[in-house]
Amino acid sequence: MRFFVRVCVMAAATAFLPVHAETLRCNGHIVEIGDSRLSVRRHCGEPLLQDTYCAPVYYAPGFQPVPDIWARAVVPCLVVDEWLYDRGPGNLAATVRLRAGAVLSITYGDRATP
């Protein structure tokens, strides 16, 4: 019985997290992880919103983030682009994360349209 309750609690807790996907269907074409930025634009068109930011750089042994002062002067910046696509009424919005000109991940989240 405890196992069943644990499984139900875990399922309820993860129900509201964004869903990670490996593909995105746009206009009859499939966009996958590893596809180029040009391929995403050609198949899916312009994103509804887009953002670019510098991802933190980590170093060993404890995978600590490099402090901003040093990261700007010494460590190259990992530029990440995020593009939000509205997939229409009744569908979850898709966020495509790109790094170095290729799709890094595709995530489905909240609805983009009311």
N, C-alpha and C. Protein backbone atom coordinates (compact mmCIF):
# COMPACT_ATOMS: atom_id res chain seq x y z
N MET A 1 0.81 -1.19 0.00
CA MET A 1 0.00 0.00 0.00
C MET A 1 0.86 1.26 0.00
N ARG A 2 1.93 1.24 0.79
CA ARG A 2 2.82 2.42 0.85
C ARG A 2 3.46 2.69 -0.50
N PHE A 3 3.81 1.62 -1.21
CA PHE A 3 4.42 1.78 -2.53
C PHE A 3 3.45 2.48 -3.48
N PHE A 4 2.19 2.08 -3.44
CA PHE A 4 1.17 2.68 -4.30
C PHE A 4 1.00 4.17 -3.99
N VAL A 5 0.98 4.50 -2.69
CA VAL A 5 0.84 5.90 -2.28
C VAL A 5 2.05 6.70 -2.75
N ARG A 6 3.25 6.13 -2.61
CA ARG A 6 4.47 6.81 -3.06
C ARG A 6 4.43 7.08 -4.57
N VAL A 7 4.00 6.08 -5.33
CA VAL A 7 3.92 6.24 -6.79
C VAL A 7 2.92 7.33 -7.14
N CYS A 8 1.78 7.37 -6.47
CA CYS A 8 0.77 8.40 -6.75
C CYS A 8 1.29 9.79 -6.42
N VAL A 9 2.00 9.92 -5.30
CA VAL A 9 2.57 11.22 -4.92
C VAL A 9 3.61 11.66 -5.93
N MET A 10 4.48 10.75 -6.38
CA MET A 10 5.51 11.10 -7.36
C MET A 10 4.87 11.51 -8.69
N ALA A 11 3.83 10.81 -9.10
CA ALA A 11 3.15 11.15 -10.36
C ALA A 11 2.50 12.52 -10.26
N ALA A 12 1.87 12.81 -9.13
CA ALA A 12 1.24 14.12 -8.95
C ALA A 12 2.27 15.23 -8.90
N ALA A 13 3.42 14.98 -8.30
CA ALA A 13 4.47 16.00 -8.19
C ALA A 13 5.07 16.33 -9.55
N THR A 14 5.19 15.35 -10.42
CA THR A 14 5.80 15.59 -11.73
C THR A 14 4.80 16.03 -12.78
N ALA A 15 3.53 16.05 -12.47
CA ALA A 15 2.51 16.40 -13.44
C ALA A 15 2.61 17.85 -13.90
N PHE A 16 3.17 18.72 -13.08
CA PHE A 16 3.22 20.14 -13.42
C PHE A 16 4.58 20.59 -13.91
N LEU A 17 5.52 19.68 -14.09
CA LEU A 17 6.84 20.03 -14.62
C LEU A 17 6.77 20.10 -16.14
N PRO A 18 7.67 20.90 -16.78
CA PRO A 18 7.69 20.92 -18.24
C PRO A 18 8.11 19.55 -18.78
N VAL A 19 7.57 19.19 -19.92
CA VAL A 19 7.86 17.91 -20.52
C VAL A 19 9.03 18.07 -21.49
N HIS A 20 10.04 17.22 -21.34
CA HIS A 20 11.17 17.24 -22.26
C HIS A 20 10.88 16.33 -23.44
N ALA A 21 11.18 16.78 -24.61
CA ALA A 21 10.92 16.00 -25.81
C ALA A 21 12.18 15.95 -26.65
N GLU A 22 12.19 15.06 -27.60
CA GLU A 22 13.33 14.95 -28.49
C GLU A 22 13.01 15.44 -29.89
N THR A 23 11.73 15.66 -30.17
CA THR A 23 11.34 16.13 -31.50
C THR A 23 10.25 17.18 -31.39
N LEU A 24 10.10 17.94 -32.47
CA LEU A 24 9.06 18.95 -32.59
C LEU A 24 8.54 18.88 -34.02
N ARG A 25 7.25 18.75 -34.18
CA ARG A 25 6.66 18.70 -35.52
C ARG A 25 6.20 20.09 -35.91
N CYS A 26 6.69 20.56 -37.06
CA CYS A 26 6.33 21.87 -37.59
C CYS A 26 5.99 21.74 -39.07
N ASN A 27 4.78 22.09 -39.42
CA ASN A 27 4.36 22.13 -40.83
C ASN A 27 4.68 20.83 -41.56
N GLY A 28 4.46 19.70 -40.90
CA GLY A 28 4.69 18.40 -41.53
C GLY A 28 6.13 17.94 -41.50
N HIS A 29 7.04 18.71 -40.91
CA HIS A 29 8.45 18.33 -40.80
C HIS A 29 8.79 18.09 -39.33
N ILE A 30 9.82 17.32 -39.09
CA ILE A 30 10.23 17.03 -37.72
C ILE A 30 11.58 17.70 -37.46
N VAL A 31 11.64 18.43 -36.34
CA VAL A 31 12.88 19.05 -35.88
C VAL A 31 13.37 18.21 -34.70
N GLU A 32 14.65 17.83 -34.71
CA GLU A 32 15.21 16.97 -33.68
C GLU A 32 16.41 17.63 -33.02
N ILE A 33 16.82 17.06 -31.90
CA ILE A 33 18.04 17.51 -31.23
C ILE A 33 19.21 17.28 -32.18
N GLY A 34 20.04 18.30 -32.32
CA GLY A 34 21.18 18.23 -33.23
C GLY A 34 20.95 18.93 -34.55
N ASP A 35 19.69 19.24 -34.89
CA ASP A 35 19.39 19.96 -36.13
C ASP A 35 19.95 21.38 -36.04
N SER A 36 20.23 21.96 -37.17
CA SER A 36 20.80 23.31 -37.20
C SER A 36 19.73 24.36 -36.97
N ARG A 37 20.18 25.54 -36.59
CA ARG A 37 19.29 26.69 -36.39
C ARG A 37 18.58 27.04 -37.69
N LEU A 38 19.27 26.91 -38.79
CA LEU A 38 18.68 27.20 -40.10
C LEU A 38 17.54 26.22 -40.41
N SER A 39 17.73 24.95 -40.07
CA SER A 39 16.70 23.95 -40.29
C SER A 39 15.45 24.24 -39.46
N VAL A 40 15.62 24.67 -38.22
CA VAL A 40 14.49 25.01 -37.36
C VAL A 40 13.72 26.18 -37.95
N ARG A 41 14.43 27.21 -38.38
CA ARG A 41 13.76 28.39 -38.98
C ARG A 41 13.03 28.02 -40.26
N ARG A 42 13.64 27.16 -41.07
CA ARG A 42 13.03 26.78 -42.35
C ARG A 42 11.74 25.99 -42.11
N HIS A 43 11.75 25.04 -41.16
CA HIS A 43 10.59 24.19 -40.94
C HIS A 43 9.53 24.85 -40.05
N CYS A 44 9.95 25.60 -39.02
CA CYS A 44 9.00 26.14 -38.04
C CYS A 44 8.73 27.62 -38.19
N GLY A 45 9.53 28.33 -38.97
CA GLY A 45 9.33 29.75 -39.15
C GLY A 45 9.88 30.57 -37.99
N GLU A 46 9.44 31.82 -37.91
CA GLU A 46 9.89 32.72 -36.85
C GLU A 46 9.28 32.32 -35.52
N PRO A 47 10.08 32.33 -34.44
CA PRO A 47 9.50 32.03 -33.13
C PRO A 47 8.64 33.17 -32.62
N LEU A 48 7.72 32.85 -31.72
CA LEU A 48 6.87 33.86 -31.08
C LEU A 48 7.73 34.79 -30.24
N LEU A 49 8.63 34.23 -29.46
CA LEU A 49 9.59 34.98 -28.64
C LEU A 49 10.95 34.32 -28.75
N GLN A 50 12.00 35.10 -28.58
CA GLN A 50 13.34 34.53 -28.53
C GLN A 50 14.20 35.28 -27.53
N ASP A 51 15.13 34.55 -26.93
CA ASP A 51 16.00 35.11 -25.91
C ASP A 51 17.39 34.51 -26.07
N THR A 52 18.39 35.31 -25.78
CA THR A 52 19.78 34.85 -25.81
C THR A 52 20.42 35.21 -24.49
N TYR A 53 21.13 34.25 -23.91
CA TYR A 53 21.81 34.51 -22.64
C TYR A 53 23.11 33.73 -22.58
N CYS A 54 23.95 34.11 -21.63
CA CYS A 54 25.22 33.45 -21.43
C CYS A 54 25.06 32.43 -20.31
N ALA A 55 25.17 31.15 -20.64
CA ALA A 55 25.03 30.09 -19.64
C ALA A 55 26.25 30.08 -18.73
N PRO A 56 26.05 29.75 -17.44
CA PRO A 56 27.19 29.70 -16.53
C PRO A 56 28.17 28.61 -16.92
N VAL A 57 29.44 28.88 -16.70
CA VAL A 57 30.51 27.93 -17.00
C VAL A 57 30.92 27.29 -15.68
N TYR A 58 31.04 25.96 -15.66
CA TYR A 58 31.40 25.25 -14.45
C TYR A 58 32.81 24.67 -14.57
N TYR A 59 33.45 24.47 -13.42
CA TYR A 59 34.77 23.86 -13.42
C TYR A 59 34.82 22.77 -12.36
N ALA A 60 35.74 21.81 -12.56
CA ALA A 60 35.91 20.70 -11.62
C ALA A 60 36.73 21.19 -10.44
N PRO A 61 36.78 20.57 -9.33
CA PRO A 61 36.33 19.23 -9.03
C PRO A 61 34.89 19.17 -8.55
N GLY A 62 34.33 20.23 -8.03
CA GLY A 62 32.98 20.18 -7.49
C GLY A 62 31.94 20.77 -8.40
N PHE A 63 32.27 21.04 -9.64
CA PHE A 63 31.37 21.67 -10.59
C PHE A 63 30.79 22.97 -10.03
N GLN A 64 31.68 23.85 -9.62
CA GLN A 64 31.30 25.16 -9.11
C GLN A 64 31.24 26.13 -10.28
N PRO A 65 30.28 27.05 -10.27
CA PRO A 65 30.24 28.04 -11.36
C PRO A 65 31.43 28.99 -11.25
N VAL A 66 31.97 29.36 -12.41
CA VAL A 66 33.06 30.33 -12.45
C VAL A 66 32.49 31.69 -12.09
N PRO A 67 33.10 32.44 -11.15
CA PRO A 67 32.58 33.77 -10.81
C PRO A 67 32.53 34.68 -12.03
N ASP A 68 31.53 35.57 -12.06
CA ASP A 68 31.32 36.45 -13.21
C ASP A 68 32.56 37.24 -13.60
N ILE A 69 33.29 37.73 -12.63
CA ILE A 69 34.48 38.53 -12.94
C ILE A 69 35.48 37.73 -13.76
N TRP A 70 35.70 36.47 -13.37
CA TRP A 70 36.64 35.62 -14.09
C TRP A 70 36.04 35.10 -15.39
N ALA A 71 34.77 34.81 -15.37
CA ALA A 71 34.13 34.25 -16.56
C ALA A 71 34.19 35.21 -17.73
N ARG A 72 34.01 36.48 -17.45
CA ARG A 72 34.05 37.48 -18.54
C ARG A 72 35.45 37.69 -19.07
N ALA A 73 36.45 37.60 -18.20
CA ALA A 73 37.82 37.91 -18.61
C ALA A 73 38.57 36.70 -19.15
N VAL A 74 38.32 35.52 -18.61
CA VAL A 74 39.16 34.37 -18.93
C VAL A 74 38.41 33.26 -19.67
N VAL A 75 37.23 32.89 -19.18
CA VAL A 75 36.49 31.75 -19.71
C VAL A 75 35.53 32.22 -20.78
N PRO A 76 35.52 31.53 -21.93
CA PRO A 76 34.57 31.94 -22.98
C PRO A 76 33.13 31.71 -22.54
N CYS A 77 32.27 32.52 -23.05
CA CYS A 77 30.85 32.47 -22.73
C CYS A 77 30.17 31.37 -23.54
N LEU A 78 29.25 30.64 -22.91
CA LEU A 78 28.44 29.65 -23.61
C LEU A 78 27.11 30.31 -23.97
N VAL A 79 27.01 30.80 -25.18
CA VAL A 79 25.80 31.50 -25.61
C VAL A 79 24.70 30.47 -25.90
N VAL A 80 23.54 30.68 -25.28
CA VAL A 80 22.39 29.81 -25.47
C VAL A 80 21.23 30.66 -25.98
N ASP A 81 20.56 30.17 -27.02
CA ASP A 81 19.36 30.82 -27.56
C ASP A 81 18.16 29.98 -27.17
N GLU A 82 17.07 30.65 -26.78
CA GLU A 82 15.81 29.97 -26.52
C GLU A 82 14.75 30.57 -27.41
N TRP A 83 14.06 29.72 -28.15
CA TRP A 83 13.01 30.16 -29.04
C TRP A 83 11.70 29.53 -28.59
N LEU A 84 10.65 30.34 -28.44
CA LEU A 84 9.34 29.86 -28.03
C LEU A 84 8.42 29.81 -29.24
N TYR A 85 7.82 28.64 -29.46
CA TYR A 85 6.88 28.47 -30.57
C TYR A 85 5.49 28.21 -30.03
N ASP A 86 4.51 28.98 -30.49
CA ASP A 86 3.11 28.76 -30.17
C ASP A 86 2.59 27.75 -31.18
N ARG A 87 2.13 26.61 -30.70
CA ARG A 87 1.72 25.53 -31.59
C ARG A 87 0.22 25.52 -31.85
N GLY A 88 -0.47 26.60 -31.47
CA GLY A 88 -1.88 26.71 -31.77
C GLY A 88 -2.76 26.37 -30.58
N PRO A 89 -4.06 26.64 -30.73
CA PRO A 89 -5.01 26.40 -29.64
C PRO A 89 -5.03 24.93 -29.22
N GLY A 90 -5.03 24.70 -27.92
CA GLY A 90 -5.10 23.34 -27.39
C GLY A 90 -3.78 22.61 -27.33
N ASN A 91 -2.69 23.22 -27.78
CA ASN A 91 -1.37 22.58 -27.76
C ASN A 91 -0.46 23.31 -26.79
N LEU A 92 0.48 22.58 -26.22
CA LEU A 92 1.47 23.19 -25.35
C LEU A 92 2.49 23.95 -26.17
N ALA A 93 3.00 25.04 -25.62
CA ALA A 93 4.05 25.81 -26.29
C ALA A 93 5.33 24.99 -26.27
N ALA A 94 6.16 25.17 -27.28
CA ALA A 94 7.43 24.46 -27.37
C ALA A 94 8.58 25.46 -27.25
N THR A 95 9.54 25.15 -26.39
CA THR A 95 10.74 25.96 -26.25
C THR A 95 11.90 25.17 -26.84
N VAL A 96 12.55 25.74 -27.84
CA VAL A 96 13.71 25.12 -28.48
C VAL A 96 14.95 25.84 -27.97
N ARG A 97 15.86 25.09 -27.34
CA ARG A 97 17.10 25.66 -26.81
C ARG A 97 18.23 25.30 -27.77
N LEU A 98 18.97 26.32 -28.22
CA LEU A 98 20.06 26.13 -29.18
C LEU A 98 21.38 26.58 -28.58
N ARG A 99 22.43 25.81 -28.87
CA ARG A 99 23.79 26.21 -28.46
C ARG A 99 24.72 25.85 -29.60
N ALA A 100 25.61 26.75 -29.93
CA ALA A 100 26.56 26.58 -31.02
C ALA A 100 25.86 26.29 -32.34
N GLY A 101 24.69 26.90 -32.55
CA GLY A 101 23.98 26.79 -33.82
C GLY A 101 23.21 25.51 -34.02
N ALA A 102 23.06 24.68 -32.96
CA ALA A 102 22.34 23.42 -33.09
C ALA A 102 21.34 23.29 -31.95
N VAL A 103 20.29 22.49 -32.17
CA VAL A 103 19.26 22.27 -31.16
C VAL A 103 19.86 21.45 -30.02
N LEU A 104 19.78 22.02 -28.81
CA LEU A 104 20.30 21.36 -27.61
C LEU A 104 19.18 20.59 -26.92
N SER A 105 17.98 21.18 -26.85
CA SER A 105 16.84 20.50 -26.23
C SER A 105 15.54 21.12 -26.73
N ILE A 106 14.47 20.35 -26.58
CA ILE A 106 13.13 20.81 -26.92
C ILE A 106 12.26 20.50 -25.71
N THR A 107 11.56 21.52 -25.21
CA THR A 107 10.74 21.37 -24.01
C THR A 107 9.34 21.88 -24.29
N TYR A 108 8.35 21.12 -23.85
CA TYR A 108 6.97 21.56 -23.94
C TYR A 108 6.55 22.08 -22.58
N GLY A 109 5.88 23.24 -22.54
CA GLY A 109 5.52 23.85 -21.27
C GLY A 109 4.11 24.36 -21.27
N ASP A 110 3.93 25.51 -20.62
CA ASP A 110 2.60 26.11 -20.50
C ASP A 110 2.04 26.48 -21.85
N ARG A 111 0.76 26.60 -21.89
CA ARG A 111 0.10 27.00 -23.14
C ARG A 111 0.46 28.44 -23.48
N ALA A 112 0.76 28.71 -24.72
CA ALA A 112 1.14 30.05 -25.15
C ALA A 112 -0.09 30.89 -25.42
N THR A 113 -1.19 30.26 -25.82
CA THR A 113 -2.42 31.01 -26.12
C THR A 113 -3.47 30.72 -25.06
N PRO A 114 -4.30 31.69 -24.73
CA PRO A 114 -5.33 31.46 -23.70
C PRO A 114 -6.43 30.53 -24.19
